[in-house]
Amino acid sequence: MALQEILIRKLEYQIFAWQKQIQKARAEASGRQKPKGGEDANAIGSMDEDTTEYIRRLERNLEAARKKIEEVRQADPERLLILKKQLSDWMD
């Protein structure tokens, strides 16, 4: 398999993994927000700041990974080697 294909597959897998993490974080936050017993539904706020920032960071990563896929598709062999190093530093 060519380096270009390997990098694209790694990026696609990472996108999939990040999407799952976002879904999980949203589901967990939704579960924490449900009012229990006599709690007022209005007293339950939106996701906490940490969860919101975590999801935003993952969404930024998703967008960056999608752009990197396009960059990998258009890269010459020399550029692919540079991208390989950048991606391994970023995703590992």
PDB file of N, CA and C in Angstrom:
ATOM      1  N   MET A   1       0.851  -1.172   0.000  1.00  0.00           N
ATOM      2  CA  MET A   1       0.000   0.000   0.000  1.00  0.00           C
ATOM      3  C   MET A   1       0.903   1.243   0.000  1.00  0.00           C
ATOM      4  N   ALA A   2       0.541   2.203  -0.792  1.00  0.00           N
ATOM      5  CA  ALA A   2       1.318   3.433  -0.917  1.00  0.00           C
ATOM      6  C   ALA A   2       1.184   4.286   0.345  1.00  0.00           C
ATOM      7  N   LEU A   3       2.203   5.079   0.598  1.00  0.00           N
ATOM      8  CA  LEU A   3       2.219   5.950   1.774  1.00  0.00           C
ATOM      9  C   LEU A   3       0.991   6.856   1.791  1.00  0.00           C
ATOM     10  N   GLN A   4       0.625   7.376   0.642  1.00  0.00           N
ATOM     11  CA  GLN A   4      -0.537   8.255   0.559  1.00  0.00           C
ATOM     12  C   GLN A   4      -1.796   7.551   1.071  1.00  0.00           C
ATOM     13  N   GLU A   5      -2.024   6.332   0.643  1.00  0.00           N
ATOM     14  CA  GLU A   5      -3.195   5.562   1.084  1.00  0.00           C
ATOM     15  C   GLU A   5      -3.148   5.279   2.580  1.00  0.00           C
ATOM     16  N   ILE A   6      -1.975   4.962   3.084  1.00  0.00           N
ATOM     17  CA  ILE A   6      -1.811   4.677   4.515  1.00  0.00           C
ATOM     18  C   ILE A   6      -2.173   5.906   5.343  1.00  0.00           C
ATOM     19  N   LEU A   7      -1.652   7.062   4.941  1.00  0.00           N
ATOM     20  CA  LEU A   7      -1.933   8.288   5.683  1.00  0.00           C
ATOM     21  C   LEU A   7      -3.424   8.641   5.645  1.00  0.00           C
ATOM     22  N   ILE A   8      -4.033   8.471   4.493  1.00  0.00           N
ATOM     23  CA  ILE A   8      -5.470   8.756   4.380  1.00  0.00           C
ATOM     24  C   ILE A   8      -6.265   7.822   5.274  1.00  0.00           C
ATOM     25  N   ARG A   9      -5.928   6.555   5.274  1.00  0.00           N
ATOM     26  CA  ARG A   9      -6.645   5.593   6.135  1.00  0.00           C
ATOM     27  C   ARG A   9      -6.470   5.922   7.613  1.00  0.00           C
ATOM     28  N   LYS A  10      -5.257   6.295   7.991  1.00  0.00           N
ATOM     29  CA  LYS A  10      -5.019   6.667   9.392  1.00  0.00           C
ATOM     30  C   LYS A  10      -5.857   7.883   9.773  1.00  0.00           C
ATOM     31  N   LEU A  11      -5.902   8.865   8.890  1.00  0.00           N
ATOM     32  CA  LEU A  11      -6.708  10.060   9.156  1.00  0.00           C
ATOM     33  C   LEU A  11      -8.186   9.713   9.230  1.00  0.00           C
ATOM     34  N   GLU A  12      -8.654   8.881   8.320  1.00  0.00           N
ATOM     35  CA  GLU A  12     -10.064   8.484   8.342  1.00  0.00           C
ATOM     36  C   GLU A  12     -10.403   7.729   9.625  1.00  0.00           C
ATOM     37  N   TYR A  13      -9.512   6.859  10.058  1.00  0.00           N
ATOM     38  CA  TYR A  13      -9.746   6.137  11.309  1.00  0.00           C
ATOM     39  C   TYR A  13      -9.764   7.104  12.488  1.00  0.00           C
ATOM     40  N   GLN A  14      -8.835   8.068  12.482  1.00  0.00           N
ATOM     41  CA  GLN A  14      -8.784   9.034  13.580  1.00  0.00           C
ATOM     42  C   GLN A  14     -10.045   9.891  13.607  1.00  0.00           C
ATOM     43  N   ILE A  15     -10.539  10.276  12.449  1.00  0.00           N
ATOM     44  CA  ILE A  15     -11.793  11.027  12.368  1.00  0.00           C
ATOM     45  C   ILE A  15     -12.919  10.211  12.977  1.00  0.00           C
ATOM     46  N   PHE A  16     -12.990   8.941  12.618  1.00  0.00           N
ATOM     47  CA  PHE A  16     -14.012   8.047  13.166  1.00  0.00           C
ATOM     48  C   PHE A  16     -13.911   7.978  14.687  1.00  0.00           C
ATOM     49  N   ALA A  17     -12.689   7.825  15.192  1.00  0.00           N
ATOM     50  CA  ALA A  17     -12.484   7.731  16.643  1.00  0.00           C
ATOM     51  C   ALA A  17     -12.903   9.017  17.338  1.00  0.00           C
ATOM     52  N   TRP A  18     -12.546  10.157  16.770  1.00  0.00           N
ATOM     53  CA  TRP A  18     -12.927  11.433  17.372  1.00  0.00           C
ATOM     54  C   TRP A  18     -14.441  11.635  17.345  1.00  0.00           C
ATOM     55  N   GLN A  19     -15.084  11.202  16.260  1.00  0.00           N
ATOM     56  CA  GLN A  19     -16.542  11.311  16.188  1.00  0.00           C
ATOM     57  C   GLN A  19     -17.197  10.489  17.301  1.00  0.00           C
ATOM     58  N   LYS A  20     -16.670   9.302  17.546  1.00  0.00           N
ATOM     59  CA  LYS A  20     -17.191   8.460  18.627  1.00  0.00           C
ATOM     60  C   LYS A  20     -16.971   9.118  19.983  1.00  0.00           C
ATOM     61  N   GLN A  21     -15.823   9.750  20.188  1.00  0.00           N
ATOM     62  CA  GLN A  21     -15.553  10.436  21.453  1.00  0.00           C
ATOM     63  C   GLN A  21     -16.521  11.596  21.658  1.00  0.00           C
ATOM     64  N   ILE A  22     -16.819  12.314  20.587  1.00  0.00           N
ATOM     65  CA  ILE A  22     -17.780  13.417  20.674  1.00  0.00           C
ATOM     66  C   ILE A  22     -19.156  12.882  21.048  1.00  0.00           C
ATOM     67  N   GLN A  23     -19.592  11.825  20.387  1.00  0.00           N
ATOM     68  CA  GLN A  23     -20.893  11.230  20.694  1.00  0.00           C
ATOM     69  C   GLN A  23     -20.961  10.786  22.148  1.00  0.00           C
ATOM     70  N   LYS A  24     -19.907  10.153  22.615  1.00  0.00           N
ATOM     71  CA  LYS A  24     -19.874   9.667  23.991  1.00  0.00           C
ATOM     72  C   LYS A  24     -19.926  10.828  24.984  1.00  0.00           C
ATOM     73  N   ALA A  25     -19.152  11.871  24.728  1.00  0.00           N
ATOM     74  CA  ALA A  25     -19.126  13.030  25.626  1.00  0.00           C
ATOM     75  C   ALA A  25     -20.492  13.705  25.673  1.00  0.00           C
ATOM     76  N   ARG A  26     -21.126  13.832  24.526  1.00  0.00           N
ATOM     77  CA  ARG A  26     -22.459  14.445  24.489  1.00  0.00           C
ATOM     78  C   ARG A  26     -23.479  13.590  25.232  1.00  0.00           C
ATOM     79  N   ALA A  27     -23.410  12.281  25.049  1.00  0.00           N
ATOM     80  CA  ALA A  27     -24.343  11.381  25.732  1.00  0.00           C
ATOM     81  C   ALA A  27     -24.140  11.434  27.239  1.00  0.00           C
ATOM     82  N   GLU A  28     -22.896  11.428  27.671  1.00  0.00           N
ATOM     83  CA  GLU A  28     -22.612  11.497  29.106  1.00  0.00           C
ATOM     84  C   GLU A  28     -23.081  12.827  29.686  1.00  0.00           C
ATOM     85  N   ALA A  29     -22.845  13.906  28.956  1.00  0.00           N
ATOM     86  CA  ALA A  29     -23.277  15.221  29.425  1.00  0.00           C
ATOM     87  C   ALA A  29     -24.791  15.291  29.480  1.00  0.00           C
ATOM     88  N   SER A  30     -25.445  14.705  28.519  1.00  0.00           N
ATOM     89  CA  SER A  30     -26.906  14.693  28.495  1.00  0.00           C
ATOM     90  C   SER A  30     -27.446  13.917  29.692  1.00  0.00           C
ATOM     91  N   GLY A  31     -26.806  12.821  30.030  1.00  0.00           N
ATOM     92  CA  GLY A  31     -27.216  12.027  31.183  1.00  0.00           C
ATOM     93  C   GLY A  31     -27.038  12.761  32.489  1.00  0.00           C
ATOM     94  N   ARG A  32     -25.999  13.578  32.570  1.00  0.00           N
ATOM     95  CA  ARG A  32     -25.759  14.356  33.792  1.00  0.00           C
ATOM     96  C   ARG A  32     -26.734  15.511  33.927  1.00  0.00           C
ATOM     97  N   GLN A  33     -27.319  15.929  32.818  1.00  0.00           N
ATOM     98  CA  GLN A  33     -28.188  17.096  32.837  1.00  0.00           C
ATOM     99  C   GLN A  33     -29.636  16.773  33.184  1.00  0.00           C
ATOM    100  N   LYS A  34     -30.001  15.511  33.155  1.00  0.00           N
ATOM    101  CA  LYS A  34     -31.392  15.166  33.430  1.00  0.00           C
ATOM    102  C   LYS A  34     -31.744  15.462  34.878  1.00  0.00           C
ATOM    103  N   PRO A  35     -32.849  16.158  35.110  1.00  0.00           N
ATOM    104  CA  PRO A  35     -33.245  16.442  36.488  1.00  0.00           C
ATOM    105  C   PRO A  35     -33.626  15.167  37.217  1.00  0.00           C
ATOM    106  N   LYS A  36     -33.258  15.121  38.496  1.00  0.00           N
ATOM    107  CA  LYS A  36     -33.563  13.943  39.308  1.00  0.00           C
ATOM    108  C   LYS A  36     -34.491  14.360  40.431  1.00  0.00           C
ATOM    109  N   GLY A  37     -35.487  13.565  40.671  1.00  0.00           N
ATOM    110  CA  GLY A  37     -36.397  13.831  41.774  1.00  0.00           C
ATOM    111  C   GLY A  37     -37.028  15.200  41.676  1.00  0.00           C
ATOM    112  N   GLY A  38     -36.857  16.008  42.717  1.00  0.00           N
ATOM    113  CA  GLY A  38     -37.494  17.310  42.779  1.00  0.00           C
ATOM    114  C   GLY A  38     -36.683  18.434  42.174  1.00  0.00           C
ATOM    115  N   GLU A  39     -35.592  18.122  41.493  1.00  0.00           N
ATOM    116  CA  GLU A  39     -34.779  19.186  40.917  1.00  0.00           C
ATOM    117  C   GLU A  39     -35.563  19.923  39.834  1.00  0.00           C
ATOM    118  N   ASP A  40     -35.367  21.198  39.801  1.00  0.00           N
ATOM    119  CA  ASP A  40     -35.989  22.038  38.775  1.00  0.00           C
ATOM    120  C   ASP A  40     -35.234  21.852  37.465  1.00  0.00           C
ATOM    121  N   ALA A  41     -35.953  21.545  36.405  1.00  0.00           N
ATOM    122  CA  ALA A  41     -35.323  21.341  35.100  1.00  0.00           C
ATOM    123  C   ALA A  41     -34.558  22.578  34.654  1.00  0.00           C
ATOM    124  N   ASN A  42     -35.023  23.755  35.036  1.00  0.00           N
ATOM    125  CA  ASN A  42     -34.337  24.989  34.657  1.00  0.00           C
ATOM    126  C   ASN A  42     -33.018  25.161  35.394  1.00  0.00           C
ATOM    127  N   ALA A  43     -32.856  24.483  36.505  1.00  0.00           N
ATOM    128  CA  ALA A  43     -31.626  24.607  37.281  1.00  0.00           C
ATOM    129  C   ALA A  43     -30.494  23.799  36.654  1.00  0.00           C
ATOM    130  N   ILE A  44     -30.840  22.898  35.769  1.00  0.00           N
ATOM    131  CA  ILE A  44     -29.821  22.087  35.109  1.00  0.00           C
ATOM    132  C   ILE A  44     -29.283  22.881  33.928  1.00  0.00           C
ATOM    133  N   GLY A  45     -28.009  23.215  33.990  1.00  0.00           N
ATOM    134  CA  GLY A  45     -27.400  24.017  32.934  1.00  0.00           C
ATOM    135  C   GLY A  45     -27.002  23.179  31.746  1.00  0.00           C
ATOM    136  N   SER A  46     -26.422  23.841  30.808  1.00  0.00           N
ATOM    137  CA  SER A  46     -25.907  23.123  29.648  1.00  0.00           C
ATOM    138  C   SER A  46     -24.645  22.380  30.075  1.00  0.00           C
ATOM    139  N   MET A  47     -23.995  21.759  29.131  1.00  0.00           N
ATOM    140  CA  MET A  47     -22.797  20.990  29.451  1.00  0.00           C
ATOM    141  C   MET A  47     -21.802  21.850  30.219  1.00  0.00           C
ATOM    142  N   ASP A  48     -21.073  21.223  31.109  1.00  0.00           N
ATOM    143  CA  ASP A  48     -20.074  21.980  31.846  1.00  0.00           C
ATOM    144  C   ASP A  48     -18.984  22.471  30.885  1.00  0.00           C
ATOM    145  N   GLU A  49     -18.254  23.453  31.334  1.00  0.00           N
ATOM    146  CA  GLU A  49     -17.261  24.098  30.472  1.00  0.00           C
ATOM    147  C   GLU A  49     -16.194  23.126  29.989  1.00  0.00           C
ATOM    148  N   ASP A  50     -15.775  22.208  30.857  1.00  0.00           N
ATOM    149  CA  ASP A  50     -14.741  21.251  30.463  1.00  0.00           C
ATOM    150  C   ASP A  50     -15.227  20.359  29.330  1.00  0.00           C
ATOM    151  N   THR A  51     -16.453  19.879  29.439  1.00  0.00           N
ATOM    152  CA  THR A  51     -17.004  19.008  28.403  1.00  0.00           C
ATOM    153  C   THR A  51     -17.182  19.777  27.108  1.00  0.00           C
ATOM    154  N   THR A  52     -17.677  20.993  27.211  1.00  0.00           N
ATOM    155  CA  THR A  52     -17.868  21.817  26.020  1.00  0.00           C
ATOM    156  C   THR A  52     -16.534  22.072  25.316  1.00  0.00           C
ATOM    157  N   GLU A  53     -15.523  22.409  26.083  1.00  0.00           N
ATOM    158  CA  GLU A  53     -14.206  22.668  25.492  1.00  0.00           C
ATOM    159  C   GLU A  53     -13.624  21.397  24.891  1.00  0.00           C
ATOM    160  N   TYR A  54     -13.807  20.266  25.549  1.00  0.00           N
ATOM    161  CA  TYR A  54     -13.337  18.983  25.045  1.00  0.00           C
ATOM    162  C   TYR A  54     -13.972  18.687  23.683  1.00  0.00           C
ATOM    163  N   ILE A  55     -15.278  18.873  23.580  1.00  0.00           N
ATOM    164  CA  ILE A  55     -15.980  18.626  22.321  1.00  0.00           C
ATOM    165  C   ILE A  55     -15.518  19.601  21.248  1.00  0.00           C
ATOM    166  N   ARG A  56     -15.357  20.856  21.591  1.00  0.00           N
ATOM    167  CA  ARG A  56     -14.878  21.845  20.619  1.00  0.00           C
ATOM    168  C   ARG A  56     -13.488  21.490  20.103  1.00  0.00           C
ATOM    169  N   ARG A  57     -12.616  21.042  21.009  1.00  0.00           N
ATOM    170  CA  ARG A  57     -11.270  20.653  20.604  1.00  0.00           C
ATOM    171  C   ARG A  57     -11.323  19.479  19.628  1.00  0.00           C
ATOM    172  N   LEU A  58     -12.169  18.500  19.930  1.00  0.00           N
ATOM    173  CA  LEU A  58     -12.301  17.362  19.029  1.00  0.00           C
ATOM    174  C   LEU A  58     -12.880  17.780  17.681  1.00  0.00           C
ATOM    175  N   GLU A  59     -13.833  18.690  17.701  1.00  0.00           N
ATOM    176  CA  GLU A  59     -14.414  19.178  16.445  1.00  0.00           C
ATOM    177  C   GLU A  59     -13.380  19.935  15.613  1.00  0.00           C
ATOM    178  N   ARG A  60     -12.517  20.703  16.276  1.00  0.00           N
ATOM    179  CA  ARG A  60     -11.428  21.385  15.553  1.00  0.00           C
ATOM    180  C   ARG A  60     -10.477  20.350  14.949  1.00  0.00           C
ATOM    181  N   ASN A  61     -10.206  19.295  15.717  1.00  0.00           N
ATOM    182  CA  ASN A  61      -9.351  18.226  15.203  1.00  0.00           C
ATOM    183  C   ASN A  61      -9.981  17.550  13.989  1.00  0.00           C
ATOM    184  N   LEU A  62     -11.292  17.337  14.046  1.00  0.00           N
ATOM    185  CA  LEU A  62     -11.987  16.731  12.906  1.00  0.00           C
ATOM    186  C   LEU A  62     -11.809  17.576  11.650  1.00  0.00           C
ATOM    187  N   GLU A  63     -12.041  18.853  11.791  1.00  0.00           N
ATOM    188  CA  GLU A  63     -11.904  19.768  10.648  1.00  0.00           C
ATOM    189  C   GLU A  63     -10.474  19.769  10.122  1.00  0.00           C
ATOM    190  N   ALA A  64      -9.510  19.812  11.012  1.00  0.00           N
ATOM    191  CA  ALA A  64      -8.104  19.802  10.603  1.00  0.00           C
ATOM    192  C   ALA A  64      -7.753  18.490   9.902  1.00  0.00           C
ATOM    193  N   ALA A  65      -8.258  17.382  10.401  1.00  0.00           N
ATOM    194  CA  ALA A  65      -7.978  16.077   9.787  1.00  0.00           C
ATOM    195  C   ALA A  65      -8.584  15.988   8.395  1.00  0.00           C
ATOM    196  N   ARG A  66      -9.770  16.526   8.232  1.00  0.00           N
ATOM    197  CA  ARG A  66     -10.400  16.521   6.901  1.00  0.00           C
ATOM    198  C   ARG A  66      -9.560  17.340   5.908  1.00  0.00           C
ATOM    199  N   LYS A  67      -9.035  18.454   6.376  1.00  0.00           N
ATOM    200  CA  LYS A  67      -8.180  19.271   5.516  1.00  0.00           C
ATOM    201  C   LYS A  67      -6.871  18.547   5.203  1.00  0.00           C
ATOM    202  N   LYS A  68      -6.356  17.834   6.201  1.00  0.00           N
ATOM    203  CA  LYS A  68      -5.112  17.092   5.988  1.00  0.00           C
ATOM    204  C   LYS A  68      -5.304  15.988   4.953  1.00  0.00           C
ATOM    205  N   ILE A  69      -6.472  15.370   4.943  1.00  0.00           N
ATOM    206  CA  ILE A  69      -6.728  14.340   3.935  1.00  0.00           C
ATOM    207  C   ILE A  69      -6.582  14.940   2.537  1.00  0.00           C
ATOM    208  N   GLU A  70      -7.150  16.108   2.339  1.00  0.00           N
ATOM    209  CA  GLU A  70      -7.034  16.769   1.039  1.00  0.00           C
ATOM    210  C   GLU A  70      -5.583  17.131   0.736  1.00  0.00           C
ATOM    211  N   GLU A  71      -4.867  17.569   1.753  1.00  0.00           N
ATOM    212  CA  GLU A  71      -3.458  17.896   1.572  1.00  0.00           C
ATOM    213  C   GLU A  71      -2.653  16.654   1.190  1.00  0.00           C
ATOM    214  N   VAL A  72      -2.947  15.535   1.845  1.00  0.00           N
ATOM    215  CA  VAL A  72      -2.253  14.276   1.537  1.00  0.00           C
ATOM    216  C   VAL A  72      -2.571  13.844   0.107  1.00  0.00           C
ATOM    217  N   ARG A  73      -3.812  13.984  -0.299  1.00  0.00           N
ATOM    218  CA  ARG A  73      -4.203  13.578  -1.658  1.00  0.00           C
ATOM    219  C   ARG A  73      -3.434  14.362  -2.726  1.00  0.00           C
ATOM    220  N   GLN A  74      -3.105  15.604  -2.434  1.00  0.00           N
ATOM    221  CA  GLN A  74      -2.453  16.461  -3.419  1.00  0.00           C
ATOM    222  C   GLN A  74      -0.930  16.513  -3.271  1.00  0.00           C
ATOM    223  N   ALA A  75      -0.402  15.847  -2.272  1.00  0.00           N
ATOM    224  CA  ALA A  75       1.027  15.964  -1.959  1.00  0.00           C
ATOM    225  C   ALA A  75       1.902  15.131  -2.891  1.00  0.00           C
ATOM    226  N   ASP A  76       3.080  15.677  -3.165  1.00  0.00           N
ATOM    227  CA  ASP A  76       4.089  14.913  -3.892  1.00  0.00           C
ATOM    228  C   ASP A  76       4.821  14.021  -2.881  1.00  0.00           C
ATOM    229  N   PRO A  77       5.635  13.074  -3.352  1.00  0.00           N
ATOM    230  CA  PRO A  77       6.300  12.138  -2.438  1.00  0.00           C
ATOM    231  C   PRO A  77       7.120  12.800  -1.333  1.00  0.00           C
ATOM    232  N   GLU A  78       7.805  13.880  -1.651  1.00  0.00           N
ATOM    233  CA  GLU A  78       8.606  14.574  -0.639  1.00  0.00           C
ATOM    234  C   GLU A  78       7.705  15.171   0.443  1.00  0.00           C
ATOM    235  N   ARG A  79       6.638  15.791   0.021  1.00  0.00           N
ATOM    236  CA  ARG A  79       5.684  16.388   0.970  1.00  0.00           C
ATOM    237  C   ARG A  79       5.013  15.308   1.808  1.00  0.00           C
ATOM    238  N   LEU A  80       4.760  14.148   1.236  1.00  0.00           N
ATOM    239  CA  LEU A  80       4.144  13.048   1.990  1.00  0.00           C
ATOM    240  C   LEU A  80       4.997  12.641   3.182  1.00  0.00           C
ATOM    241  N   LEU A  81       6.302  12.630   3.008  1.00  0.00           N
ATOM    242  CA  LEU A  81       7.194  12.274   4.118  1.00  0.00           C
ATOM    243  C   LEU A  81       7.099  13.300   5.240  1.00  0.00           C
ATOM    244  N   ILE A  82       6.991  14.565   4.879  1.00  0.00           N
ATOM    245  CA  ILE A  82       6.837  15.621   5.884  1.00  0.00           C
ATOM    246  C   ILE A  82       5.494  15.466   6.591  1.00  0.00           C
ATOM    247  N   LEU A  83       4.445  15.216   5.815  1.00  0.00           N
ATOM    248  CA  LEU A  83       3.115  15.039   6.399  1.00  0.00           C
ATOM    249  C   LEU A  83       3.066  13.818   7.307  1.00  0.00           C
ATOM    250  N   LYS A  84       3.765  12.766   6.922  1.00  0.00           N
ATOM    251  CA  LYS A  84       3.801  11.558   7.758  1.00  0.00           C
ATOM    252  C   LYS A  84       4.344  11.889   9.145  1.00  0.00           C
ATOM    253  N   LYS A  85       5.411  12.648   9.187  1.00  0.00           N
ATOM    254  CA  LYS A  85       6.008  13.038  10.468  1.00  0.00           C
ATOM    255  C   LYS A  85       5.046  13.920  11.257  1.00  0.00           C
ATOM    256  N   GLN A  86       4.440  14.904  10.601  1.00  0.00           N
ATOM    257  CA  GLN A  86       3.496  15.795  11.271  1.00  0.00           C
ATOM    258  C   GLN A  86       2.312  15.010  11.839  1.00  0.00           C
ATOM    259  N   LEU A  87       1.795  14.100  11.059  1.00  0.00           N
ATOM    260  CA  LEU A  87       0.619  13.340  11.492  1.00  0.00           C
ATOM    261  C   LEU A  87       0.955  12.402  12.628  1.00  0.00           C
ATOM    262  N   SER A  88       2.136  11.793  12.591  1.00  0.00           N
ATOM    263  CA  SER A  88       2.485  10.893  13.695  1.00  0.00           C
ATOM    264  C   SER A  88       2.676  11.677  14.985  1.00  0.00           C
ATOM    265  N   ASP A  89       3.221  12.875  14.896  1.00  0.00           N
ATOM    266  CA  ASP A  89       3.370  13.726  16.087  1.00  0.00           C
ATOM    267  C   ASP A  89       1.991  14.146  16.616  1.00  0.00           C
ATOM    268  N   TRP A  90       1.065  14.430  15.718  1.00  0.00           N
ATOM    269  CA  TRP A  90      -0.261  14.939  16.072  1.00  0.00           C
ATOM    270  C   TRP A  90      -1.172  13.845  16.625  1.00  0.00           C
ATOM    271  N   MET A  91      -1.177  12.691  15.996  1.00  0.00           N
ATOM    272  CA  MET A  91      -2.145  11.651  16.362  1.00  0.00           C
ATOM    273  C   MET A  91      -1.623  10.674  17.407  1.00  0.00           C
ATOM    274  N   ASP A  92      -0.332  10.604  17.592  1.00  0.00           N
ATOM    275  CA  ASP A  92       0.199   9.642  18.576  1.00  0.00           C
ATOM    276  C   ASP A  92       0.318  10.246  19.952  1.00  0.00           C
TER     277      ASP A  92
END
